[in-house]
Amino acid sequence: MRSTLCIAFVLLILCISACDNPSPTVERPNILIINVDDMGWKDVGFMGSTYYETPHIDALSAQGMVFSNGYAGASNCAPSRASLLTGQWTPRHGIYTVNSSERGASKDRKLIPIQNTTTLAQTHTTFSKILHKNGYATCHSGKWHISDSPLDYGFELNIGGGHNGHPSSYYPPYQNVDLNTDGDGYLTDVIMEKTLKFVDTVTQPFLLYYAPYAVHTPIQPVADLLGKYQQKSGSNGQHNAEYATMVENLDRNIGLLISKLKEKGFFDRTLIIFTSDNGGLYGITQQQPLRAGKGSYYEGGIRVPFLFVMKDNIPAHSKSNVPITNLDLFPTLMHYAGIQEGQKEVDGHDLSPILEGKTSSLDRELYWHFPIYLEAYNASDNENRDSLFRTRPGSVIRKGDWKLHYYFENDEIELFNLTTDSSERNNLASQEPEKKEELLKDLKTWWEETKAPIPTTLNPEYENK
């Protein structure tokens, strides 16, 4: 009798333990997110570049699904990264730009812009917090930019991440990038060396958020690659040899990371996502036929390369035209990790039905809100709406093939059909009044739902022109 009771007691304890902890027999995928800094929509071979050379990224793209209408949550670094990590539209976290929202000369700003937030509040739920809580080893590698340290947001290991938006130098000493080592190589190489050590030592399902500083300024070439690109003919606005060496060097390092995953037997059970935090830096690179670049809410500033790879779940050599955004990563990760927590708080959508070929559409709108000013960096040739600013206060909605820009200064509207006019040159606002009103109504409803702050206060220093 005593033996039977002991066995029953042991079984009860095991049952309670199993309820409290995920079953060890359920294999959860590793997660690798590659979020490149300032890489444009066509800055990789698999998206059409013939000048930049990215053989390792291109090979990766062939093993999964490529999205031609992939978007960042914002047109510059910090707000896009905050939206990626939280799965939320910018009005939810209040990060709209880098540093101050009062960019450009005051005399040129008609409105007082909404005050910007520079640090993501720790009250926000990030997918890294949830994955760590649910047993994932978590590593951040590279650029962070939304607080002093990713260690406060669910990451156990931080390789080089801080509040800085770019390195002072890719050559040693790196100055504002703390790697707890002197380092004697090109910054992208040194960070990858440390990242590979993490992969070598991890023994449990892991989240690796690899966010290289490359290819952000300063544009500093990799010396042994420079001659090749100086002798190579550019095309479609892509001809900067120094930038091209940074792209190829990054590609080489991503190749090393993928090789390490295969060496360790991780590749076949890893969900891999590759994207960029915003469009390419206009003047350094172009994304023809897309208009403008980083900092603008025309397509060249927010459309980015986007691909997903996961063996046996996502078909190789697959493509999708469905518009997606980096806000969609949060719920997609939770789906594949088998975690329900946190999904009610996000604005993104689970992409697994599209990735697995169960559907080829997603009925929703995409939004961008930028109640701020962002000065132009190349006034003579920037493809923006005017020569002074990349961004003036406004909002954007994409719904199906249509995209509407609304500007707060003078209540002006631009309406484009992206299927026939991806360059956003033919404003159809006066020719398509019903479509204009439809999108404007949706946008105003979204302002109310998200409590989006609208700038209305006139700037007394503005010089009316």
Protein backbone atom coordinates (compact mmCIF):
# COMPACT_ATOMS: atom_id res chain seq x y z
CA MET A 1 0.00 0.00 0.00
CA ARG A 2 2.82 2.40 0.98
CA SER A 3 4.57 1.64 -2.34
CA THR A 4 1.41 2.42 -4.31
CA LEU A 5 0.96 5.76 -2.48
CA CYS A 6 4.58 6.70 -3.17
CA ILE A 7 4.19 6.00 -6.86
CA ALA A 8 0.96 8.03 -6.97
CA PHE A 9 2.67 10.91 -5.17
CA VAL A 10 5.58 10.91 -7.65
CA LEU A 11 3.16 10.86 -10.60
CA LEU A 12 1.26 13.81 -9.10
CA ILE A 13 4.47 15.82 -8.74
CA LEU A 14 5.45 15.05 -12.34
CA CYS A 15 2.01 16.10 -13.55
CA ILE A 16 2.19 19.42 -11.71
CA SER A 17 5.70 20.01 -13.05
CA ALA A 18 4.57 19.28 -16.62
CA CYS A 19 1.73 21.79 -16.29
CA ASP A 20 4.10 24.50 -15.07
CA ASN A 21 6.75 24.00 -17.74
CA PRO A 22 6.68 23.53 -21.52
CA SER A 23 6.96 19.89 -22.52
CA PRO A 24 10.57 19.02 -23.37
CA THR A 25 9.31 16.82 -26.20
CA VAL A 26 7.85 19.84 -28.05
CA GLU A 27 10.71 21.30 -30.08
CA ARG A 28 10.42 25.05 -30.36
CA PRO A 29 12.28 26.75 -33.20
CA ASN A 30 15.29 28.94 -32.74
CA ILE A 31 14.69 32.48 -33.98
CA LEU A 32 17.16 34.62 -35.91
CA ILE A 33 16.17 38.17 -36.86
CA ILE A 34 18.57 40.04 -39.12
CA ASN A 35 17.65 43.73 -39.08
CA VAL A 36 20.11 45.65 -41.26
CA ASP A 37 20.61 49.39 -40.75
CA ASP A 38 19.65 51.63 -43.71
CA MET A 39 19.66 48.90 -46.35
CA GLY A 40 17.41 49.91 -49.23
CA TRP A 41 14.73 47.83 -50.93
CA LYS A 42 16.97 47.07 -53.91
CA ASP A 43 20.35 47.00 -52.16
CA VAL A 44 20.52 43.20 -52.45
CA GLY A 45 20.80 40.94 -55.45
CA PHE A 46 17.58 39.01 -54.81
CA MET A 47 15.65 42.29 -55.11
CA GLY A 48 17.33 43.27 -58.35
CA SER A 49 20.62 45.02 -57.65
CA THR A 50 23.33 44.26 -60.19
CA TYR A 51 25.98 46.51 -58.61
CA TYR A 52 25.99 45.35 -54.98
CA GLU A 53 27.05 41.74 -54.48
CA THR A 54 25.16 39.73 -51.85
CA PRO A 55 25.54 36.03 -52.75
CA HIS A 56 24.95 34.68 -49.22
CA ILE A 57 21.79 36.71 -48.63
CA ASP A 58 20.56 35.80 -52.12
CA ALA A 59 21.11 32.11 -51.40
CA LEU A 60 19.18 32.47 -48.15
CA SER A 61 16.30 34.16 -49.98
CA ALA A 62 15.96 31.15 -52.29
CA GLN A 63 15.23 28.91 -49.30
CA GLY A 64 12.09 30.73 -48.19
CA MET A 65 9.56 33.44 -49.02
CA VAL A 66 10.42 36.90 -50.33
CA PHE A 67 7.97 39.80 -49.88
CA SER A 68 8.05 42.50 -52.56
CA ASN A 69 5.86 44.81 -50.44
CA GLY A 70 7.70 44.64 -47.14
CA TYR A 71 7.69 47.78 -44.99
CA ALA A 72 9.45 49.22 -41.97
CA GLY A 73 7.28 50.71 -39.24
CA ALA A 74 8.92 54.10 -39.78
CA SER A 75 11.31 55.79 -42.18
CA ASN A 76 14.22 56.07 -39.78
CA CYS A 77 16.01 54.01 -37.17
CA ALA A 78 14.65 54.39 -33.65
CA PRO A 79 10.88 54.42 -34.30
CA SER A 80 11.15 51.49 -36.70
CA ARG A 81 13.07 49.43 -34.13
CA ALA A 82 10.60 50.29 -31.37
CA SER A 83 7.71 49.17 -33.57
CA LEU A 84 9.49 45.93 -34.52
CA LEU A 85 10.15 44.97 -30.90
CA THR A 86 6.69 45.91 -29.58
CA GLY A 87 4.57 45.11 -32.64
CA GLN A 88 2.89 48.50 -32.18
CA TRP A 89 2.21 51.59 -34.28
CA THR A 90 4.35 54.61 -33.40
CA PRO A 91 1.60 56.52 -31.50
CA ARG A 92 1.55 53.68 -28.97
CA HIS A 93 5.19 54.17 -27.95
CA GLY A 94 5.74 57.81 -28.92
CA ILE A 95 9.08 57.35 -30.68
CA TYR A 96 8.83 59.18 -34.01
CA THR A 97 12.39 60.08 -34.91
CA VAL A 98 15.95 60.27 -33.61
CA ASN A 99 16.62 62.90 -30.94
CA SER A 100 14.55 66.10 -31.30
CA SER A 101 11.45 66.45 -33.47
CA GLU A 102 12.37 70.09 -34.15
CA ARG A 103 14.64 69.39 -37.06
CA GLY A 104 15.48 71.97 -39.70
CA ALA A 105 15.27 75.76 -39.36
CA SER A 106 12.47 77.05 -37.11
CA LYS A 107 11.57 79.73 -39.63
CA ASP A 108 10.59 76.98 -42.08
CA ARG A 109 8.35 75.07 -39.67
CA LYS A 110 4.72 76.22 -39.70
CA LEU A 111 3.68 74.01 -36.77
CA ILE A 112 5.15 73.16 -33.39
CA PRO A 113 5.92 69.45 -33.78
CA ILE A 114 4.87 66.83 -31.24
CA GLN A 115 7.61 66.21 -28.69
CA ASN A 116 9.59 63.08 -29.45
CA THR A 117 10.32 60.20 -27.06
CA THR A 118 13.85 58.83 -27.31
CA THR A 119 13.72 55.84 -24.94
CA LEU A 120 11.27 52.95 -25.15
CA ALA A 121 9.43 52.77 -21.83
CA GLN A 122 10.13 49.51 -20.01
CA THR A 123 6.40 49.12 -19.44
CA HIS A 124 6.09 48.11 -23.10
CA THR A 125 6.07 44.40 -23.80
CA THR A 126 8.71 43.28 -26.29
CA PHE A 127 8.87 39.87 -27.93
CA SER A 128 12.31 39.45 -26.37
CA LYS A 129 10.82 39.72 -22.87
CA ILE A 130 8.19 37.10 -23.62
CA LEU A 131 10.57 34.67 -25.31
CA HIS A 132 13.05 34.97 -22.45
CA LYS A 133 10.28 34.40 -19.91
CA ASN A 134 9.31 31.27 -21.82
CA GLY A 135 12.73 29.66 -21.76
CA TYR A 136 14.55 31.14 -24.74
CA ALA A 137 18.18 32.17 -24.50
CA THR A 138 18.25 35.73 -25.82
CA CYS A 139 21.07 37.66 -27.46
CA HIS A 140 21.13 41.12 -28.97
CA SER A 141 24.02 41.81 -31.32
CA GLY A 142 24.82 45.19 -32.88
CA LYS A 143 22.79 48.39 -32.93
CA TRP A 144 20.08 48.92 -30.29
CA HIS A 145 19.31 52.67 -30.30
CA ILE A 146 16.10 52.82 -28.21
CA SER A 147 17.59 52.84 -24.68
CA ASP A 148 20.92 52.55 -22.94
CA SER A 149 20.85 48.76 -22.91
CA PRO A 150 18.85 45.85 -24.39
CA LEU A 151 19.46 43.94 -21.15
CA ASP A 152 16.44 45.76 -19.69
CA TYR A 153 14.14 44.35 -22.38
CA GLY A 154 14.55 40.60 -22.08
CA PHE A 155 18.00 40.08 -23.57
CA GLU A 156 20.55 38.12 -21.53
CA LEU A 157 23.54 39.02 -23.70
CA ASN A 158 24.33 42.35 -25.35
CA ILE A 159 27.03 42.62 -28.00
CA GLY A 160 27.75 46.27 -28.74
CA GLY A 161 24.26 47.71 -28.28
CA GLY A 162 23.61 51.11 -26.67
CA HIS A 163 21.69 54.34 -27.24
CA ASN A 164 24.01 55.41 -30.05
CA GLY A 165 22.49 55.43 -33.53
CA HIS A 166 25.69 54.69 -35.43
CA PRO A 167 29.35 53.99 -34.72
CA SER A 168 31.82 56.82 -34.57
CA SER A 169 34.01 54.61 -36.72
CA TYR A 170 33.99 51.14 -38.27
CA TYR A 171 37.76 51.17 -37.82
CA PRO A 172 39.29 50.68 -34.35
CA PRO A 173 38.98 52.31 -31.93
CA TYR A 174 35.20 52.29 -32.39
CA GLN A 175 34.75 54.92 -29.64
CA ASN A 176 31.00 54.87 -28.91
CA VAL A 177 30.49 51.11 -29.43
CA ASP A 178 31.28 49.20 -26.24
CA LEU A 179 32.43 45.68 -27.03
CA ASN A 180 34.31 45.06 -23.78
CA THR A 181 37.39 44.56 -25.91
CA ASP A 182 39.81 46.72 -27.82
CA GLY A 183 39.19 44.95 -31.13
CA ASP A 184 41.52 45.23 -34.08
CA GLY A 185 39.30 44.61 -37.09
CA TYR A 186 36.46 46.14 -39.05
CA LEU A 187 33.51 46.64 -36.68
CA THR A 188 31.08 44.41 -38.59
CA ASP A 189 33.62 41.57 -38.50
CA VAL A 190 34.36 41.95 -34.78
CA ILE A 191 30.68 41.95 -33.81
CA MET A 192 30.08 38.82 -35.88
CA GLU A 193 33.02 37.04 -34.22
CA LYS A 194 31.34 37.58 -30.86
CA THR A 195 27.94 36.58 -32.26
CA LEU A 196 29.32 33.27 -33.50
CA LYS A 197 30.62 32.54 -30.00
CA PHE A 198 27.06 32.89 -28.68
CA VAL A 199 25.80 30.38 -31.25
CA ASP A 200 28.67 28.05 -30.34
CA THR A 201 27.76 28.01 -26.66
CA VAL A 202 23.95 28.17 -26.59
CA THR A 203 22.26 24.95 -25.44
CA GLN A 204 18.57 25.83 -25.53
CA PRO A 205 16.12 27.39 -28.00
CA PHE A 206 17.43 30.87 -28.69
CA LEU A 207 16.45 34.28 -29.98
CA LEU A 208 19.30 36.03 -31.78
CA TYR A 209 18.48 39.60 -32.78
CA TYR A 210 21.34 40.48 -35.11
CA ALA A 211 21.12 44.20 -35.91
CA PRO A 212 24.42 45.21 -37.52
CA TYR A 213 25.51 48.85 -37.53
CA ALA A 214 26.24 48.39 -41.21
CA VAL A 215 25.34 49.84 -43.62
CA HIS A 216 24.67 53.12 -41.75
CA THR A 217 27.02 56.06 -42.06
CA PRO A 218 29.89 56.76 -41.71
CA ILE A 219 30.52 55.27 -45.13
CA GLN A 220 33.92 53.69 -44.51
CA PRO A 221 35.11 51.16 -47.07
CA VAL A 222 36.49 47.69 -46.53
CA ALA A 223 39.90 48.28 -48.08
CA ASP A 224 40.45 44.98 -49.87
CA LEU A 225 37.10 45.22 -51.67
CA LEU A 226 37.29 48.82 -52.82
CA GLY A 227 39.24 48.31 -56.04
CA LYS A 228 36.71 45.82 -57.39
CA TYR A 229 33.80 48.23 -57.11
CA GLN A 230 35.77 51.23 -58.35
CA GLN A 231 36.23 49.30 -61.59
CA LYS A 232 32.62 48.07 -61.76
CA SER A 233 29.91 49.98 -63.64
CA GLY A 234 27.00 51.15 -61.53
CA SER A 235 23.33 51.06 -62.51
CA ASN A 236 19.93 52.41 -61.44
CA GLY A 237 21.41 54.98 -59.07
CA GLN A 238 23.71 52.46 -57.38
CA HIS A 239 27.37 53.29 -57.95
CA ASN A 240 28.97 54.20 -54.62
CA ALA A 241 32.00 51.92 -54.39
CA GLU A 242 32.67 52.56 -50.70
CA TYR A 243 29.09 51.73 -49.75
CA ALA A 244 29.22 48.62 -51.95
CA THR A 245 32.17 47.26 -49.95
CA MET A 246 30.15 47.63 -46.74
CA VAL A 247 27.24 45.74 -48.31
CA GLU A 248 29.47 42.88 -49.47
CA ASN A 249 31.26 42.70 -46.12
CA LEU A 250 27.92 42.47 -44.32
CA ASP A 251 26.83 39.75 -46.72
CA ARG A 252 30.03 37.80 -45.96
CA ASN A 253 29.35 38.00 -42.24
CA ILE A 254 25.75 36.85 -42.67
CA GLY A 255 27.16 33.94 -44.65
CA LEU A 256 29.38 33.07 -41.70
CA LEU A 257 26.38 33.13 -39.38
CA ILE A 258 24.31 30.87 -41.62
CA SER A 259 27.27 28.47 -41.94
CA LYS A 260 27.57 28.35 -38.15
CA LEU A 261 23.89 27.49 -37.78
CA LYS A 262 24.37 24.60 -40.21
CA GLU A 263 27.56 23.46 -38.50
CA LYS A 264 25.75 23.29 -35.14
CA GLY A 265 22.73 21.53 -36.63
CA PHE A 266 20.48 24.54 -35.92
CA PHE A 267 19.62 25.73 -39.41
CA ASP A 268 16.79 23.28 -40.14
CA ARG A 269 14.96 24.25 -36.94
CA THR A 270 15.48 28.02 -37.04
CA LEU A 271 13.02 30.66 -38.18
CA ILE A 272 15.15 33.22 -40.02
CA ILE A 273 13.91 36.72 -40.87
CA PHE A 274 15.90 39.22 -42.91
CA THR A 275 14.89 42.87 -43.29
CA SER A 276 16.03 46.47 -42.86
CA ASP A 277 14.98 49.17 -40.40
CA ASN A 278 14.17 51.72 -43.11
CA GLY A 279 14.90 52.66 -46.70
CA GLY A 280 18.33 53.38 -48.12
CA LEU A 281 20.10 56.70 -47.63
CA TYR A 282 19.31 58.74 -50.75
CA GLY A 283 22.46 60.22 -52.23
CA ILE A 284 24.39 57.09 -51.24
CA THR A 285 22.03 54.60 -52.87
CA GLN A 286 18.76 54.64 -54.81
CA GLN A 287 15.83 52.27 -55.07
CA GLN A 288 14.42 53.02 -58.50
CA PRO A 289 11.59 53.16 -59.36
CA LEU A 290 10.75 53.95 -55.72
CA ARG A 291 10.86 57.62 -54.78
CA ALA A 292 13.23 59.20 -52.23
CA GLY A 293 14.91 57.39 -49.34
CA LYS A 294 15.48 57.20 -45.61
CA GLY A 295 13.51 59.80 -43.66
CA SER A 296 10.82 60.14 -46.32
CA TYR A 297 7.43 58.44 -46.31
CA TYR A 298 7.48 57.94 -50.03
CA GLU A 299 8.15 54.31 -50.88
CA GLY A 300 11.93 54.63 -51.01
CA GLY A 301 11.97 55.59 -47.34
CA ILE A 302 9.83 52.80 -45.92
CA ARG A 303 9.80 49.84 -48.33
CA VAL A 304 12.56 47.38 -47.45
CA PRO A 305 13.84 43.91 -48.38
CA PHE A 306 11.98 41.24 -46.43
CA LEU A 307 12.31 37.46 -46.37
CA PHE A 308 11.43 34.50 -44.13
CA VAL A 309 13.07 31.06 -44.03
CA MET A 310 12.02 28.01 -42.03
CA LYS A 311 12.54 24.53 -43.40
CA ASP A 312 9.42 22.34 -43.70
CA ASN A 313 7.18 25.31 -42.84
CA ILE A 314 7.89 27.95 -45.48
CA PRO A 315 8.22 26.75 -49.10
CA ALA A 316 11.52 27.51 -50.80
CA HIS A 317 11.55 29.84 -53.83
CA SER A 318 8.22 31.36 -52.79
CA LYS A 319 7.16 34.98 -53.26
CA SER A 320 4.37 37.19 -51.98
CA ASN A 321 3.02 40.61 -52.98
CA VAL A 322 1.07 41.00 -49.73
CA PRO A 323 1.99 44.27 -47.96
CA ILE A 324 3.55 43.43 -44.60
CA THR A 325 5.34 45.45 -41.91
CA ASN A 326 7.92 44.78 -39.24
CA LEU A 327 5.11 45.07 -36.67
CA ASP A 328 4.01 41.64 -37.95
CA LEU A 329 7.12 39.95 -36.54
CA PHE A 330 5.90 39.94 -32.93
CA PRO A 331 2.72 37.85 -33.46
CA THR A 332 4.45 35.67 -36.06
CA LEU A 333 7.22 34.79 -33.61
CA MET A 334 4.69 34.00 -30.90
CA HIS A 335 2.85 31.66 -33.27
CA TYR A 336 5.92 29.63 -34.13
CA ALA A 337 7.12 29.58 -30.52
CA GLY A 338 3.69 28.33 -29.41
CA ILE A 339 3.15 31.26 -27.03
CA GLN A 340 -0.18 33.07 -26.61
CA GLU A 341 1.07 35.76 -24.24
CA GLY A 342 1.22 39.38 -25.42
CA GLN A 343 -0.54 38.95 -28.75
CA LYS A 344 -3.62 40.99 -27.78
CA GLU A 345 -1.43 44.06 -27.29
CA VAL A 346 0.09 44.13 -30.76
CA ASP A 347 -1.03 45.90 -33.92
CA GLY A 348 0.78 43.52 -36.27
CA HIS A 349 -0.66 40.34 -37.76
CA ASP A 350 0.51 36.72 -37.62
CA LEU A 351 1.97 35.99 -41.06
CA SER A 352 2.09 32.21 -40.72
CA PRO A 353 -0.96 31.57 -42.98
CA ILE A 354 0.77 33.49 -45.78
CA LEU A 355 4.18 31.97 -45.11
CA GLU A 356 2.77 28.45 -45.20
CA GLY A 357 0.67 29.04 -48.33
CA LYS A 358 -2.71 28.77 -46.59
CA THR A 359 -3.78 32.18 -47.91
CA SER A 360 -2.44 34.74 -50.37
CA SER A 361 -4.10 37.85 -48.94
CA LEU A 362 -4.31 39.87 -45.76
CA ASP A 363 -7.21 42.27 -45.33
CA ARG A 364 -5.93 45.21 -43.32
CA GLU A 365 -4.45 48.68 -43.70
CA LEU A 366 -0.93 49.86 -42.93
CA TYR A 367 -0.30 53.21 -41.21
CA TRP A 368 2.57 55.59 -40.55
CA HIS A 369 2.35 58.64 -38.30
CA PHE A 370 5.05 61.35 -38.15
CA PRO A 371 3.87 64.53 -36.38
CA ILE A 372 7.39 65.99 -36.72
CA TYR A 373 9.91 67.66 -39.01
CA LEU A 374 13.00 66.03 -40.47
CA GLU A 375 15.36 68.20 -42.46
CA ALA A 376 16.61 67.30 -45.93
CA TYR A 377 20.24 66.22 -46.24
CA ASN A 378 20.62 66.94 -49.95
CA ALA A 379 18.50 69.96 -50.84
CA SER A 380 19.46 70.02 -54.51
CA ASP A 381 18.38 66.48 -55.31
CA ASN A 382 16.35 64.57 -52.74
CA GLU A 383 13.12 63.51 -54.52
CA ASN A 384 11.08 64.68 -51.54
CA ARG A 385 8.04 66.93 -51.65
CA ASP A 386 10.19 70.00 -51.11
CA SER A 387 13.87 70.83 -50.84
CA LEU A 388 13.83 71.69 -47.12
CA PHE A 389 12.44 68.55 -45.46
CA ARG A 390 12.43 64.82 -45.94
CA THR A 391 9.41 64.72 -43.64
CA ARG A 392 6.85 67.36 -42.72
CA PRO A 393 4.17 66.55 -40.13
CA GLY A 394 1.62 64.12 -41.51
CA SER A 395 0.28 60.56 -41.72
CA VAL A 396 0.15 57.86 -44.37
CA ILE A 397 -2.21 54.96 -45.01
CA ARG A 398 -1.77 52.09 -47.44
CA LYS A 399 -4.92 50.14 -48.29
CA GLY A 400 -4.68 47.57 -51.05
CA ASP A 401 -3.07 49.21 -54.07
CA TRP A 402 -3.74 52.72 -52.76
CA LYS A 403 -1.62 55.01 -50.63
CA LEU A 404 -2.69 58.36 -49.17
CA HIS A 405 -0.39 61.02 -47.68
CA TYR A 406 -1.99 63.61 -45.38
CA TYR A 407 -0.05 66.74 -44.39
CA PHE A 408 -1.04 68.60 -41.23
CA GLU A 409 0.36 72.03 -42.13
CA ASN A 410 -2.22 72.82 -44.79
CA ASP A 411 -4.49 69.74 -44.82
CA GLU A 412 -3.03 68.71 -48.16
CA ILE A 413 -3.51 65.23 -49.60
CA GLU A 414 -1.64 63.07 -52.07
CA LEU A 415 -3.19 59.86 -53.40
CA PHE A 416 -1.30 57.26 -55.41
CA ASN A 417 -2.08 53.89 -56.96
CA LEU A 418 1.08 51.92 -56.24
CA THR A 419 0.30 49.21 -58.77
CA THR A 420 0.44 51.64 -61.67
CA ASP A 421 2.62 54.31 -60.06
CA SER A 422 5.16 52.88 -57.61
CA SER A 423 7.20 56.07 -58.12
CA GLU A 424 4.39 58.14 -56.53
CA ARG A 425 4.51 60.83 -59.20
CA ASN A 426 0.85 60.99 -60.29
CA ASN A 427 -1.32 62.48 -57.53
CA LEU A 428 -4.88 61.21 -58.08
CA ALA A 429 -6.52 63.01 -55.16
CA SER A 430 -8.68 65.22 -57.43
CA GLN A 431 -9.44 62.43 -59.93
CA GLU A 432 -10.43 59.78 -57.37
CA PRO A 433 -12.49 61.69 -54.77
CA GLU A 434 -14.34 58.60 -53.50
CA LYS A 435 -11.13 56.65 -52.92
CA LYS A 436 -9.58 59.70 -51.28
CA GLU A 437 -12.49 60.05 -48.86
CA GLU A 438 -12.50 56.32 -48.11
CA LEU A 439 -8.84 56.29 -47.09
CA LEU A 440 -9.11 59.59 -45.24
CA LYS A 441 -12.02 58.24 -43.18
CA ASP A 442 -10.00 55.13 -42.32
CA LEU A 443 -7.03 57.29 -41.35
CA LYS A 444 -9.09 59.52 -39.07
CA THR A 445 -10.62 56.48 -37.38
CA TRP A 446 -7.11 55.14 -36.80
CA TRP A 447 -6.03 58.45 -35.24
CA GLU A 448 -8.85 58.07 -32.72
CA GLU A 449 -8.12 54.40 -31.97
CA THR A 450 -4.43 54.98 -31.37
CA LYS A 451 -4.81 58.43 -29.77
CA ALA A 452 -2.33 59.70 -32.35
CA PRO A 453 -1.16 63.21 -31.39
CA ILE A 454 -1.90 65.79 -34.08
CA PRO A 455 0.21 68.98 -34.21
CA THR A 456 -2.01 72.08 -34.41
CA THR A 457 -0.08 74.84 -32.62
CA LEU A 458 1.31 77.45 -34.99
CA ASN A 459 5.00 78.31 -34.72
CA PRO A 460 5.45 82.06 -34.04
CA GLU A 461 8.89 81.97 -35.65
CA TYR A 462 7.55 80.66 -38.94
CA GLU A 463 8.21 82.92 -41.93
CA ASN A 464 5.19 82.53 -44.20
CA LYS A 465 6.33 82.12 -47.80
